Amino acid sequence: MKIIVIGATGLVGAEVVREAIKNPAITAITAIVRSPLNLQHPKLKVIQHQDFLNYDALQQEIKTADAVLWCLGISQTQVSKEQYEIITYDYTIAAAKAVQQFNPDCTFIFLSGEGADNTEQSKTIFARVKGKAENELNKMQLKKLFIVRPAGIKPINKNPKTAFSNKLMIPFFPLFELLMPNFVISSAQLAKAMLYIALNGNKNKLIRNIELKKIGNN
């Protein structure tokens, strides 16, 4: 299987690439990034791409892919509300439309998050915009769409792009795992779950944290 990972320098995207390299069922990985990716492997191809509203230059990559894993994202604390919506909603929908146009049989996996609000009424921009993106993806009627909603993601590898507010939470993960085990998922478990879904599909289109953990532990 050939996969495309969009947002491969982030916490989850980089973990997906690492796990895909180890997975013999994944034969080719194309990492779409804005900045260089500090990973190398014979089955990994890295493409630096700047305009995430236009995927014409990636048409051939998309045409030959079996799955696109959308991992691009940013903390709402790192950008303005307007920028957050562009990155979280506009970029996502532009990529999904490119997949629908160039390779409609391709699987599209959207990395959302626990708390996404499909009513789009939440006062929290994360919940509102993630919910809006989910709603629009569902309206598009993509043939093979999966939406994953992890909760608290425990980093396995350090990532320089992690938001400062998220770094502050890292020491508390052992406590979270003790008191709220269903809330926490490691970045490796999440990456393995996303790859399993890319390879095998899933009975549910929307996959939440508990199910992701079960899949990622297999």
N, C-alpha and C. Protein backbone atom coordinates (compact mmCIF):
# COMPACT_ATOMS: atom_id res chain seq x y z
N MET A 1 0.84 -1.20 0.00
CA MET A 1 0.00 0.00 0.00
C MET A 1 0.87 1.25 0.00
N LYS A 2 0.45 2.26 -0.76
CA LYS A 2 1.10 3.56 -0.75
C LYS A 2 0.21 4.54 0.02
N ILE A 3 0.82 5.27 0.96
CA ILE A 3 0.08 6.27 1.71
C ILE A 3 0.72 7.64 1.54
N ILE A 4 -0.11 8.65 1.71
CA ILE A 4 0.35 10.04 1.79
C ILE A 4 0.04 10.54 3.18
N VAL A 5 1.04 11.13 3.83
CA VAL A 5 0.85 11.73 5.15
C VAL A 5 1.02 13.23 5.00
N ILE A 6 -0.04 13.96 5.21
CA ILE A 6 0.01 15.42 5.11
C ILE A 6 0.13 15.99 6.53
N GLY A 7 1.20 16.76 6.73
CA GLY A 7 1.49 17.25 8.06
C GLY A 7 2.42 16.30 8.80
N ALA A 8 3.45 15.85 8.12
CA ALA A 8 4.30 14.77 8.65
C ALA A 8 5.38 15.27 9.61
N THR A 9 5.46 16.57 9.86
CA THR A 9 6.43 17.05 10.84
C THR A 9 5.81 17.25 12.21
N GLY A 10 4.49 17.14 12.32
CA GLY A 10 3.82 17.33 13.60
C GLY A 10 3.92 16.10 14.49
N LEU A 11 3.38 16.22 15.69
CA LEU A 11 3.43 15.13 16.66
C LEU A 11 2.87 13.83 16.11
N VAL A 12 1.65 13.88 15.59
CA VAL A 12 1.00 12.66 15.10
C VAL A 12 1.54 12.27 13.73
N GLY A 13 1.69 13.24 12.84
CA GLY A 13 2.15 12.93 11.49
C GLY A 13 3.52 12.27 11.47
N ALA A 14 4.44 12.78 12.26
CA ALA A 14 5.77 12.18 12.32
C ALA A 14 5.71 10.77 12.88
N GLU A 15 4.82 10.54 13.85
CA GLU A 15 4.66 9.20 14.43
C GLU A 15 4.06 8.25 13.40
N VAL A 16 3.12 8.73 12.61
CA VAL A 16 2.54 7.91 11.54
C VAL A 16 3.62 7.47 10.56
N VAL A 17 4.50 8.39 10.20
CA VAL A 17 5.59 8.05 9.28
C VAL A 17 6.51 7.00 9.91
N ARG A 18 6.87 7.18 11.17
CA ARG A 18 7.75 6.20 11.84
C ARG A 18 7.12 4.81 11.86
N GLU A 19 5.84 4.76 12.21
CA GLU A 19 5.17 3.46 12.28
C GLU A 19 4.97 2.86 10.89
N ALA A 20 4.75 3.71 9.90
CA ALA A 20 4.57 3.23 8.53
C ALA A 20 5.87 2.63 8.00
N ILE A 21 6.99 3.22 8.37
CA ILE A 21 8.29 2.69 7.96
C ILE A 21 8.47 1.27 8.51
N LYS A 22 8.00 1.03 9.73
CA LYS A 22 8.15 -0.29 10.37
C LYS A 22 7.13 -1.30 9.87
N ASN A 23 6.05 -0.82 9.24
CA ASN A 23 4.96 -1.69 8.83
C ASN A 23 5.21 -2.27 7.43
N PRO A 24 5.42 -3.58 7.31
CA PRO A 24 5.74 -4.15 5.99
C PRO A 24 4.60 -4.04 4.99
N ALA A 25 3.36 -3.83 5.48
CA ALA A 25 2.22 -3.70 4.56
C ALA A 25 2.22 -2.35 3.86
N ILE A 26 2.94 -1.38 4.42
CA ILE A 26 3.09 -0.06 3.79
C ILE A 26 4.35 -0.10 2.95
N THR A 27 4.18 -0.04 1.64
CA THR A 27 5.33 -0.18 0.73
C THR A 27 5.92 1.16 0.29
N ALA A 28 5.12 2.23 0.37
CA ALA A 28 5.60 3.56 -0.04
C ALA A 28 4.90 4.63 0.78
N ILE A 29 5.68 5.60 1.21
CA ILE A 29 5.16 6.70 2.03
C ILE A 29 5.57 8.01 1.38
N THR A 30 4.61 8.86 1.12
CA THR A 30 4.91 10.22 0.67
C THR A 30 4.53 11.18 1.78
N ALA A 31 5.50 11.88 2.32
CA ALA A 31 5.27 12.85 3.39
C ALA A 31 5.19 14.25 2.77
N ILE A 32 4.05 14.89 2.96
CA ILE A 32 3.86 16.25 2.45
C ILE A 32 4.08 17.21 3.62
N VAL A 33 5.08 18.06 3.49
CA VAL A 33 5.47 18.93 4.60
C VAL A 33 5.75 20.35 4.09
N ARG A 34 5.70 21.28 5.01
CA ARG A 34 6.10 22.65 4.67
C ARG A 34 7.60 22.84 4.95
N SER A 35 8.08 22.26 6.05
CA SER A 35 9.48 22.36 6.43
C SER A 35 10.13 20.98 6.36
N PRO A 36 11.45 20.90 6.33
CA PRO A 36 12.14 19.61 6.18
C PRO A 36 11.75 18.60 7.26
N LEU A 37 11.75 17.34 6.88
CA LEU A 37 11.43 16.24 7.79
C LEU A 37 12.72 15.49 8.11
N ASN A 38 13.00 15.37 9.40
CA ASN A 38 14.25 14.74 9.82
C ASN A 38 14.11 13.22 9.92
N LEU A 39 13.62 12.62 8.88
CA LEU A 39 13.51 11.17 8.79
C LEU A 39 13.91 10.74 7.38
N GLN A 40 14.61 9.63 7.29
CA GLN A 40 15.01 9.11 5.99
C GLN A 40 14.80 7.60 5.97
N HIS A 41 14.34 7.10 4.83
CA HIS A 41 14.17 5.66 4.66
C HIS A 41 13.94 5.40 3.18
N PRO A 42 14.35 4.23 2.68
CA PRO A 42 14.17 3.94 1.25
C PRO A 42 12.73 4.03 0.75
N LYS A 43 11.75 3.71 1.61
CA LYS A 43 10.37 3.77 1.12
C LYS A 43 9.68 5.10 1.44
N LEU A 44 10.46 6.06 1.95
CA LEU A 44 9.91 7.38 2.29
C LEU A 44 10.33 8.43 1.27
N LYS A 45 9.34 9.14 0.74
CA LYS A 45 9.56 10.26 -0.17
C LYS A 45 9.02 11.51 0.50
N VAL A 46 9.83 12.55 0.59
CA VAL A 46 9.42 13.79 1.24
C VAL A 46 9.25 14.88 0.20
N ILE A 47 8.09 15.53 0.22
CA ILE A 47 7.81 16.64 -0.70
C ILE A 47 7.47 17.88 0.12
N GLN A 48 8.25 18.93 -0.08
CA GLN A 48 7.94 20.21 0.57
C GLN A 48 6.93 20.96 -0.29
N HIS A 49 5.83 21.29 0.35
CA HIS A 49 4.70 21.92 -0.34
C HIS A 49 4.28 23.13 0.46
N GLN A 50 4.02 24.23 -0.21
CA GLN A 50 3.74 25.48 0.51
C GLN A 50 2.28 25.90 0.49
N ASP A 51 1.57 25.60 -0.60
CA ASP A 51 0.19 26.08 -0.73
C ASP A 51 -0.78 24.95 -0.43
N PHE A 52 -1.27 24.91 0.80
CA PHE A 52 -2.17 23.83 1.21
C PHE A 52 -3.63 24.09 0.85
N LEU A 53 -3.82 25.09 0.00
CA LEU A 53 -5.14 25.31 -0.59
C LEU A 53 -5.17 24.82 -2.03
N ASN A 54 -4.01 24.43 -2.55
CA ASN A 54 -3.91 23.99 -3.95
C ASN A 54 -3.03 22.74 -4.03
N TYR A 55 -3.58 21.66 -4.57
CA TYR A 55 -2.86 20.38 -4.63
C TYR A 55 -2.60 19.92 -6.06
N ASP A 56 -2.68 20.85 -7.00
CA ASP A 56 -2.45 20.48 -8.41
C ASP A 56 -1.06 19.89 -8.61
N ALA A 57 -0.06 20.43 -7.91
CA ALA A 57 1.31 19.94 -8.07
C ALA A 57 1.48 18.53 -7.50
N LEU A 58 0.52 18.10 -6.68
CA LEU A 58 0.58 16.77 -6.06
C LEU A 58 -0.37 15.78 -6.73
N GLN A 59 -0.91 16.17 -7.88
CA GLN A 59 -1.92 15.36 -8.55
C GLN A 59 -1.45 13.93 -8.79
N GLN A 60 -0.24 13.75 -9.29
CA GLN A 60 0.26 12.41 -9.60
C GLN A 60 0.44 11.59 -8.33
N GLU A 61 0.90 12.22 -7.26
CA GLU A 61 1.05 11.51 -5.98
C GLU A 61 -0.30 11.02 -5.48
N ILE A 62 -1.30 11.88 -5.57
CA ILE A 62 -2.64 11.52 -5.09
C ILE A 62 -3.24 10.41 -5.95
N LYS A 63 -3.02 10.49 -7.24
CA LYS A 63 -3.58 9.49 -8.16
C LYS A 63 -3.07 8.09 -7.87
N THR A 64 -1.86 7.98 -7.36
CA THR A 64 -1.26 6.66 -7.14
C THR A 64 -1.30 6.22 -5.68
N ALA A 65 -1.99 6.97 -4.83
CA ALA A 65 -2.06 6.64 -3.41
C ALA A 65 -3.27 5.77 -3.10
N ASP A 66 -3.12 4.94 -2.10
CA ASP A 66 -4.24 4.14 -1.60
C ASP A 66 -4.94 4.83 -0.43
N ALA A 67 -4.20 5.67 0.30
CA ALA A 67 -4.79 6.37 1.44
C ALA A 67 -4.06 7.69 1.69
N VAL A 68 -4.82 8.70 2.07
CA VAL A 68 -4.28 9.98 2.48
C VAL A 68 -4.62 10.18 3.95
N LEU A 69 -3.61 10.37 4.77
CA LEU A 69 -3.82 10.58 6.20
C LEU A 69 -3.56 12.04 6.52
N TRP A 70 -4.63 12.74 6.85
CA TRP A 70 -4.54 14.17 7.13
C TRP A 70 -4.16 14.38 8.60
N CYS A 71 -2.91 14.77 8.83
CA CYS A 71 -2.41 14.97 10.19
C CYS A 71 -1.99 16.41 10.43
N LEU A 72 -2.21 17.26 9.46
CA LEU A 72 -1.78 18.65 9.58
C LEU A 72 -2.68 19.38 10.58
N GLY A 73 -2.06 20.10 11.48
CA GLY A 73 -2.85 20.84 12.45
C GLY A 73 -1.95 21.74 13.28
N ILE A 74 -2.58 22.55 14.10
CA ILE A 74 -1.84 23.48 14.95
C ILE A 74 -2.68 23.78 16.18
N SER A 75 -2.03 24.10 17.27
CA SER A 75 -2.77 24.45 18.49
C SER A 75 -3.45 25.80 18.30
N GLN A 76 -4.65 25.92 18.87
CA GLN A 76 -5.37 27.19 18.78
C GLN A 76 -4.66 28.30 19.54
N THR A 77 -3.67 27.94 20.37
CA THR A 77 -2.92 28.94 21.14
C THR A 77 -1.76 29.53 20.33
N GLN A 78 -1.46 28.94 19.17
CA GLN A 78 -0.28 29.35 18.41
C GLN A 78 -0.58 30.33 17.28
N VAL A 79 -1.84 30.48 16.92
CA VAL A 79 -2.20 31.34 15.79
C VAL A 79 -3.48 32.11 16.13
N SER A 80 -3.83 33.06 15.25
CA SER A 80 -5.07 33.81 15.43
C SER A 80 -6.26 32.91 15.11
N LYS A 81 -7.46 33.35 15.48
CA LYS A 81 -8.68 32.59 15.16
C LYS A 81 -8.83 32.40 13.65
N GLU A 82 -8.51 33.46 12.91
CA GLU A 82 -8.64 33.40 11.46
C GLU A 82 -7.66 32.39 10.86
N GLN A 83 -6.43 32.41 11.34
CA GLN A 83 -5.42 31.47 10.84
C GLN A 83 -5.78 30.04 11.23
N TYR A 84 -6.30 29.88 12.44
CA TYR A 84 -6.66 28.54 12.91
C TYR A 84 -7.74 27.93 12.01
N GLU A 85 -8.71 28.75 11.62
CA GLU A 85 -9.79 28.24 10.77
C GLU A 85 -9.26 27.89 9.37
N ILE A 86 -8.36 28.70 8.85
CA ILE A 86 -7.78 28.41 7.53
C ILE A 86 -7.03 27.08 7.58
N ILE A 87 -6.21 26.89 8.60
CA ILE A 87 -5.38 25.69 8.69
C ILE A 87 -6.25 24.46 8.97
N THR A 88 -7.20 24.60 9.88
CA THR A 88 -7.98 23.44 10.33
C THR A 88 -9.12 23.09 9.39
N TYR A 89 -9.73 24.10 8.81
CA TYR A 89 -10.89 23.85 7.95
C TYR A 89 -10.54 23.97 6.46
N ASP A 90 -10.07 25.13 6.05
CA ASP A 90 -9.86 25.38 4.62
C ASP A 90 -8.83 24.41 4.02
N TYR A 91 -7.71 24.21 4.70
CA TYR A 91 -6.69 23.31 4.19
C TYR A 91 -7.23 21.88 4.08
N THR A 92 -7.95 21.45 5.10
CA THR A 92 -8.49 20.08 5.11
C THR A 92 -9.44 19.85 3.94
N ILE A 93 -10.37 20.77 3.77
CA ILE A 93 -11.38 20.59 2.73
C ILE A 93 -10.75 20.67 1.34
N ALA A 94 -9.76 21.54 1.18
CA ALA A 94 -9.07 21.62 -0.11
C ALA A 94 -8.39 20.29 -0.44
N ALA A 95 -7.78 19.66 0.55
CA ALA A 95 -7.12 18.36 0.33
C ALA A 95 -8.14 17.28 0.01
N ALA A 96 -9.24 17.26 0.74
CA ALA A 96 -10.28 16.26 0.51
C ALA A 96 -10.88 16.41 -0.89
N LYS A 97 -11.07 17.64 -1.34
CA LYS A 97 -11.58 17.87 -2.68
C LYS A 97 -10.59 17.38 -3.74
N ALA A 98 -9.30 17.56 -3.47
CA ALA A 98 -8.28 17.08 -4.41
C ALA A 98 -8.32 15.56 -4.50
N VAL A 99 -8.48 14.90 -3.36
CA VAL A 99 -8.59 13.44 -3.36
C VAL A 99 -9.84 13.00 -4.12
N GLN A 100 -10.93 13.69 -3.87
CA GLN A 100 -12.19 13.36 -4.55
C GLN A 100 -12.06 13.55 -6.06
N GLN A 101 -11.32 14.55 -6.47
CA GLN A 101 -11.16 14.84 -7.90
C GLN A 101 -10.16 13.91 -8.57
N PHE A 102 -9.01 13.70 -7.96
CA PHE A 102 -7.92 12.97 -8.60
C PHE A 102 -7.95 11.46 -8.36
N ASN A 103 -8.53 11.04 -7.23
CA ASN A 103 -8.51 9.62 -6.89
C ASN A 103 -9.68 9.30 -5.95
N PRO A 104 -10.90 9.26 -6.48
CA PRO A 104 -12.09 9.10 -5.63
C PRO A 104 -12.15 7.78 -4.86
N ASP A 105 -11.38 6.78 -5.26
CA ASP A 105 -11.37 5.51 -4.52
C ASP A 105 -10.37 5.49 -3.38
N CYS A 106 -9.64 6.57 -3.22
CA CYS A 106 -8.62 6.66 -2.18
C CYS A 106 -9.26 6.88 -0.80
N THR A 107 -8.71 6.23 0.21
CA THR A 107 -9.17 6.43 1.59
C THR A 107 -8.66 7.77 2.11
N PHE A 108 -9.53 8.51 2.81
CA PHE A 108 -9.14 9.79 3.42
C PHE A 108 -9.41 9.70 4.92
N ILE A 109 -8.35 9.86 5.70
CA ILE A 109 -8.46 9.80 7.16
C ILE A 109 -8.18 11.18 7.72
N PHE A 110 -9.15 11.72 8.44
CA PHE A 110 -9.04 13.06 9.01
C PHE A 110 -8.76 12.97 10.50
N LEU A 111 -7.64 13.56 10.92
CA LEU A 111 -7.31 13.62 12.34
C LEU A 111 -8.07 14.78 12.97
N SER A 112 -9.14 14.46 13.66
CA SER A 112 -9.93 15.46 14.37
C SER A 112 -9.51 15.44 15.84
N GLY A 113 -10.43 15.51 16.76
CA GLY A 113 -10.07 15.47 18.17
C GLY A 113 -11.30 15.36 19.04
N GLU A 114 -11.14 14.74 20.21
CA GLU A 114 -12.24 14.63 21.15
C GLU A 114 -12.73 16.02 21.53
N GLY A 115 -14.02 16.19 21.53
CA GLY A 115 -14.60 17.50 21.82
C GLY A 115 -15.04 18.26 20.59
N ALA A 116 -14.75 17.72 19.41
CA ALA A 116 -15.22 18.37 18.18
C ALA A 116 -16.74 18.51 18.24
N ASP A 117 -17.23 19.70 17.93
CA ASP A 117 -18.65 20.01 18.11
C ASP A 117 -19.34 20.11 16.75
N ASN A 118 -20.13 19.10 16.43
CA ASN A 118 -20.82 19.09 15.13
C ASN A 118 -21.98 20.07 15.05
N THR A 119 -22.37 20.67 16.17
CA THR A 119 -23.38 21.74 16.11
C THR A 119 -22.74 23.05 15.68
N GLU A 120 -21.41 23.12 15.77
CA GLU A 120 -20.62 24.31 15.42
C GLU A 120 -20.99 25.51 16.28
N GLN A 121 -21.47 25.26 17.50
CA GLN A 121 -21.91 26.34 18.38
C GLN A 121 -20.98 26.55 19.58
N SER A 122 -20.00 25.69 19.72
CA SER A 122 -19.11 25.79 20.88
C SER A 122 -18.39 27.14 20.92
N LYS A 123 -18.13 27.60 22.14
CA LYS A 123 -17.37 28.84 22.30
C LYS A 123 -15.87 28.59 22.13
N THR A 124 -15.48 27.32 22.14
CA THR A 124 -14.08 26.95 21.95
C THR A 124 -13.80 26.80 20.46
N ILE A 125 -12.83 27.53 19.95
CA ILE A 125 -12.59 27.53 18.51
C ILE A 125 -12.16 26.14 18.04
N PHE A 126 -11.38 25.42 18.83
CA PHE A 126 -10.99 24.06 18.46
C PHE A 126 -12.22 23.21 18.19
N ALA A 127 -13.14 23.17 19.13
CA ALA A 127 -14.32 22.32 19.01
C ALA A 127 -15.19 22.74 17.83
N ARG A 128 -15.36 24.04 17.68
CA ARG A 128 -16.25 24.57 16.64
C ARG A 128 -15.70 24.30 15.24
N VAL A 129 -14.42 24.56 15.04
CA VAL A 129 -13.83 24.44 13.69
C VAL A 129 -13.60 22.97 13.32
N LYS A 130 -13.19 22.16 14.29
CA LYS A 130 -13.05 20.72 14.01
C LYS A 130 -14.42 20.13 13.63
N GLY A 131 -15.45 20.54 14.38
CA GLY A 131 -16.80 20.07 14.05
C GLY A 131 -17.24 20.52 12.68
N LYS A 132 -16.91 21.74 12.33
CA LYS A 132 -17.26 22.27 11.01
C LYS A 132 -16.56 21.48 9.91
N ALA A 133 -15.29 21.15 10.12
CA ALA A 133 -14.54 20.37 9.13
C ALA A 133 -15.14 18.97 8.98
N GLU A 134 -15.48 18.34 10.11
CA GLU A 134 -16.11 17.03 10.05
C GLU A 134 -17.41 17.08 9.26
N ASN A 135 -18.22 18.09 9.53
CA ASN A 135 -19.51 18.22 8.84
C ASN A 135 -19.34 18.36 7.34
N GLU A 136 -18.39 19.19 6.94
CA GLU A 136 -18.19 19.40 5.50
C GLU A 136 -17.65 18.14 4.83
N LEU A 137 -16.76 17.43 5.49
CA LEU A 137 -16.25 16.18 4.93
C LEU A 137 -17.38 15.18 4.74
N ASN A 138 -18.28 15.10 5.71
CA ASN A 138 -19.42 14.18 5.58
C ASN A 138 -20.35 14.59 4.44
N LYS A 139 -20.51 15.88 4.22
CA LYS A 139 -21.35 16.36 3.13
C LYS A 139 -20.76 15.99 1.77
N MET A 140 -19.44 15.91 1.70
CA MET A 140 -18.78 15.63 0.43
C MET A 140 -19.02 14.20 -0.06
N GLN A 141 -19.44 13.34 0.85
CA GLN A 141 -19.72 11.94 0.51
C GLN A 141 -18.52 11.25 -0.14
N LEU A 142 -17.37 11.42 0.49
CA LEU A 142 -16.18 10.69 0.07
C LEU A 142 -16.43 9.20 0.23
N LYS A 143 -15.96 8.42 -0.73
CA LYS A 143 -16.24 6.98 -0.72
C LYS A 143 -15.67 6.27 0.50
N LYS A 144 -14.46 6.67 0.90
CA LYS A 144 -13.78 6.01 2.02
C LYS A 144 -13.25 7.06 2.98
N LEU A 145 -14.16 7.61 3.78
CA LEU A 145 -13.80 8.64 4.75
C LEU A 145 -13.84 8.06 6.16
N PHE A 146 -12.79 8.35 6.93
CA PHE A 146 -12.75 7.99 8.34
C PHE A 146 -12.30 9.21 9.14
N ILE A 147 -12.99 9.47 10.23
CA ILE A 147 -12.68 10.59 11.11
C ILE A 147 -12.23 10.03 12.46
N VAL A 148 -11.01 10.34 12.86
CA VAL A 148 -10.51 9.83 14.14
C VAL A 148 -10.49 10.97 15.15
N ARG A 149 -10.96 10.65 16.36
CA ARG A 149 -11.05 11.64 17.43
C ARG A 149 -10.28 11.18 18.66
N PRO A 150 -8.97 11.33 18.66
CA PRO A 150 -8.21 11.01 19.87
C PRO A 150 -8.50 12.05 20.96
N ALA A 151 -8.22 11.68 22.20
CA ALA A 151 -8.39 12.61 23.31
C ALA A 151 -7.01 13.15 23.71
N GLY A 152 -6.52 12.77 24.88
CA GLY A 152 -5.21 13.25 25.30
C GLY A 152 -4.09 12.43 24.67
N ILE A 153 -3.31 13.05 23.80
CA ILE A 153 -2.25 12.32 23.09
C ILE A 153 -0.94 12.44 23.86
N LYS A 154 -0.46 11.30 24.34
CA LYS A 154 0.80 11.24 25.08
C LYS A 154 1.95 11.08 24.09
N PRO A 155 2.86 12.06 24.03
CA PRO A 155 3.96 11.96 23.06
C PRO A 155 4.92 10.83 23.41
N ILE A 156 5.32 10.07 22.41
CA ILE A 156 6.34 9.04 22.58
C ILE A 156 7.71 9.59 22.19
N ASN A 157 7.74 10.43 21.20
CA ASN A 157 8.98 11.08 20.76
C ASN A 157 8.85 12.59 20.90
N LYS A 158 9.93 13.24 21.26
CA LYS A 158 9.91 14.70 21.38
C LYS A 158 9.69 15.33 20.01
N ASN A 159 8.91 16.40 20.01
CA ASN A 159 8.66 17.11 18.77
C ASN A 159 8.81 18.60 19.01
N PRO A 160 9.73 19.26 18.30
CA PRO A 160 9.97 20.69 18.54
C PRO A 160 8.78 21.58 18.21
N LYS A 161 7.82 21.05 17.45
CA LYS A 161 6.67 21.86 17.06
C LYS A 161 5.52 21.79 18.06
N THR A 162 5.70 21.02 19.13
CA THR A 162 4.65 20.92 20.13
C THR A 162 4.42 22.28 20.79
N ALA A 163 3.16 22.67 20.90
CA ALA A 163 2.83 23.95 21.52
C ALA A 163 3.28 23.96 22.98
N PHE A 164 3.68 25.14 23.46
CA PHE A 164 4.18 25.26 24.84
C PHE A 164 3.14 24.78 25.84
N SER A 165 1.87 25.12 25.60
CA SER A 165 0.80 24.72 26.52
C SER A 165 0.68 23.20 26.59
N ASN A 166 0.93 22.53 25.46
CA ASN A 166 0.88 21.07 25.43
C ASN A 166 2.10 20.46 26.12
N LYS A 167 3.26 21.11 25.98
CA LYS A 167 4.46 20.63 26.66
C LYS A 167 4.27 20.65 28.18
N LEU A 168 3.54 21.63 28.66
CA LEU A 168 3.30 21.73 30.10
C LEU A 168 2.50 20.55 30.62
N MET A 169 1.73 19.91 29.75
CA MET A 169 0.87 18.80 30.17
C MET A 169 1.61 17.46 30.23
N ILE A 170 2.76 17.36 29.59
CA ILE A 170 3.45 16.08 29.47
C ILE A 170 3.74 15.42 30.82
N PRO A 171 4.23 16.16 31.84
CA PRO A 171 4.51 15.51 33.13
C PRO A 171 3.28 14.93 33.81
N PHE A 172 2.09 15.37 33.41
CA PHE A 172 0.86 14.93 34.07
C PHE A 172 0.25 13.68 33.44
N PHE A 173 0.82 13.22 32.33
CA PHE A 173 0.22 12.07 31.64
C PHE A 173 0.19 10.80 32.49
N PRO A 174 1.23 10.51 33.30
CA PRO A 174 1.12 9.32 34.17
C PRO A 174 -0.09 9.39 35.11
N LEU A 175 -0.39 10.58 35.62
CA LEU A 175 -1.56 10.75 36.48
C LEU A 175 -2.84 10.57 35.69
N PHE A 176 -2.89 11.15 34.48
CA PHE A 176 -4.07 10.99 33.63
C PHE A 176 -4.31 9.52 33.31
N GLU A 177 -3.22 8.80 33.01
CA GLU A 177 -3.35 7.38 32.67
C GLU A 177 -3.88 6.58 33.85
N LEU A 178 -3.51 7.01 35.06
CA LEU A 178 -3.97 6.32 36.26
C LEU A 178 -5.43 6.61 36.55
N LEU A 179 -5.81 7.89 36.46
CA LEU A 179 -7.16 8.31 36.84
C LEU A 179 -8.16 8.23 35.70
N MET A 180 -7.69 8.46 34.46
CA MET A 180 -8.58 8.48 33.29
C MET A 180 -7.96 7.70 32.14
N PRO A 181 -7.79 6.39 32.31
CA PRO A 181 -7.09 5.61 31.28
C PRO A 181 -7.73 5.66 29.91
N ASN A 182 -9.04 5.83 29.86
CA ASN A 182 -9.72 5.89 28.56
C ASN A 182 -9.52 7.22 27.85
N PHE A 183 -8.99 8.20 28.57
CA PHE A 183 -8.78 9.53 28.01
C PHE A 183 -7.45 9.63 27.26
N VAL A 184 -6.46 8.85 27.68
CA VAL A 184 -5.10 8.98 27.16
C VAL A 184 -4.83 7.95 26.06
N ILE A 185 -4.16 8.39 25.01
CA ILE A 185 -3.67 7.50 23.96
C ILE A 185 -2.27 7.96 23.60
N SER A 186 -1.34 7.03 23.44
CA SER A 186 0.01 7.43 23.06
C SER A 186 0.04 7.76 21.57
N SER A 187 1.01 8.58 21.21
CA SER A 187 1.13 8.95 19.79
C SER A 187 1.39 7.70 18.93
N ALA A 188 2.09 6.71 19.49
CA ALA A 188 2.36 5.48 18.75
C ALA A 188 1.09 4.65 18.57
N GLN A 189 0.28 4.55 19.63
CA GLN A 189 -1.00 3.83 19.51
C GLN A 189 -1.89 4.48 18.46
N LEU A 190 -1.94 5.80 18.48
CA LEU A 190 -2.77 6.53 17.53
C LEU A 190 -2.27 6.31 16.10
N ALA A 191 -0.96 6.38 15.91
CA ALA A 191 -0.38 6.18 14.58
C ALA A 191 -0.68 4.78 14.07
N LYS A 192 -0.51 3.77 14.93
CA LYS A 192 -0.79 2.39 14.53
C LYS A 192 -2.27 2.21 14.17
N ALA A 193 -3.14 2.85 14.95
CA ALA A 193 -4.58 2.76 14.68
C ALA A 193 -4.92 3.38 13.33
N MET A 194 -4.36 4.53 13.04
CA MET A 194 -4.64 5.20 11.77
C MET A 194 -4.15 4.37 10.59
N LEU A 195 -3.00 3.76 10.75
CA LEU A 195 -2.48 2.92 9.67
C LEU A 195 -3.32 1.66 9.50
N TYR A 196 -3.77 1.08 10.60
CA TYR A 196 -4.63 -0.10 10.51
C TYR A 196 -5.91 0.24 9.75
N ILE A 197 -6.49 1.40 10.06
CA ILE A 197 -7.71 1.83 9.38
C ILE A 197 -7.44 2.07 7.90
N ALA A 198 -6.29 2.66 7.59
CA ALA A 198 -5.93 2.88 6.18
C ALA A 198 -5.83 1.56 5.43
N LEU A 199 -5.30 0.55 6.09
CA LEU A 199 -5.11 -0.75 5.46
C LEU A 199 -6.38 -1.59 5.40
N ASN A 200 -7.19 -1.50 6.45
CA ASN A 200 -8.31 -2.44 6.60
C ASN A 200 -9.70 -1.80 6.65
N GLY A 201 -9.76 -0.47 6.71
CA GLY A 201 -11.05 0.17 6.89
C GLY A 201 -11.55 -0.02 8.32
N ASN A 202 -12.81 0.33 8.56
CA ASN A 202 -13.41 0.18 9.88
C ASN A 202 -14.91 0.22 9.74
N LYS A 203 -15.60 -0.48 10.62
CA LYS A 203 -17.06 -0.51 10.53
C LYS A 203 -17.67 0.85 10.86
N ASN A 204 -16.95 1.65 11.67
CA ASN A 204 -17.44 2.98 12.03
C ASN A 204 -16.66 4.05 11.27
N LYS A 205 -17.37 5.03 10.76
CA LYS A 205 -16.69 6.15 10.09
C LYS A 205 -16.04 7.07 11.11
N LEU A 206 -16.72 7.29 12.24
CA LEU A 206 -16.19 8.11 13.33
C LEU A 206 -15.60 7.19 14.39
N ILE A 207 -14.32 7.35 14.67
CA ILE A 207 -13.62 6.45 15.58
C ILE A 207 -13.05 7.26 16.73
N ARG A 208 -13.53 6.96 17.94
CA ARG A 208 -13.15 7.76 19.10
C ARG A 208 -12.04 7.08 19.90
N ASN A 209 -11.64 7.74 20.98
CA ASN A 209 -10.41 7.38 21.67
C ASN A 209 -10.34 5.93 22.14
N ILE A 210 -11.42 5.43 22.76
CA ILE A 210 -11.39 4.06 23.30
C ILE A 210 -11.18 3.06 22.17
N GLU A 211 -11.90 3.24 21.08
CA GLU A 211 -11.75 2.32 19.95
C GLU A 211 -10.38 2.45 19.32
N LEU A 212 -9.87 3.68 19.22
CA LEU A 212 -8.53 3.89 18.66
C LEU A 212 -7.48 3.16 19.48
N LYS A 213 -7.62 3.20 20.81
CA LYS A 213 -6.67 2.50 21.67
C LYS A 213 -6.70 1.00 21.43
N LYS A 214 -7.89 0.46 21.31
CA LYS A 214 -8.03 -0.98 21.07
C LYS A 214 -7.37 -1.36 19.74
N ILE A 215 -7.63 -0.56 18.72
CA ILE A 215 -7.04 -0.86 17.41
C ILE A 215 -5.52 -0.73 17.48
N GLY A 216 -5.06 0.34 18.12
CA GLY A 216 -3.62 0.60 18.21
C GLY A 216 -2.85 -0.38 19.03
N ASN A 217 -3.54 -1.12 19.90
CA ASN A 217 -2.88 -2.12 20.74
C ASN A 217 -2.75 -3.48 20.07
N ASN A 218 -3.44 -3.65 18.94
CA ASN A 218 -3.39 -4.95 18.24
C ASN A 218 -2.06 -5.15 17.54
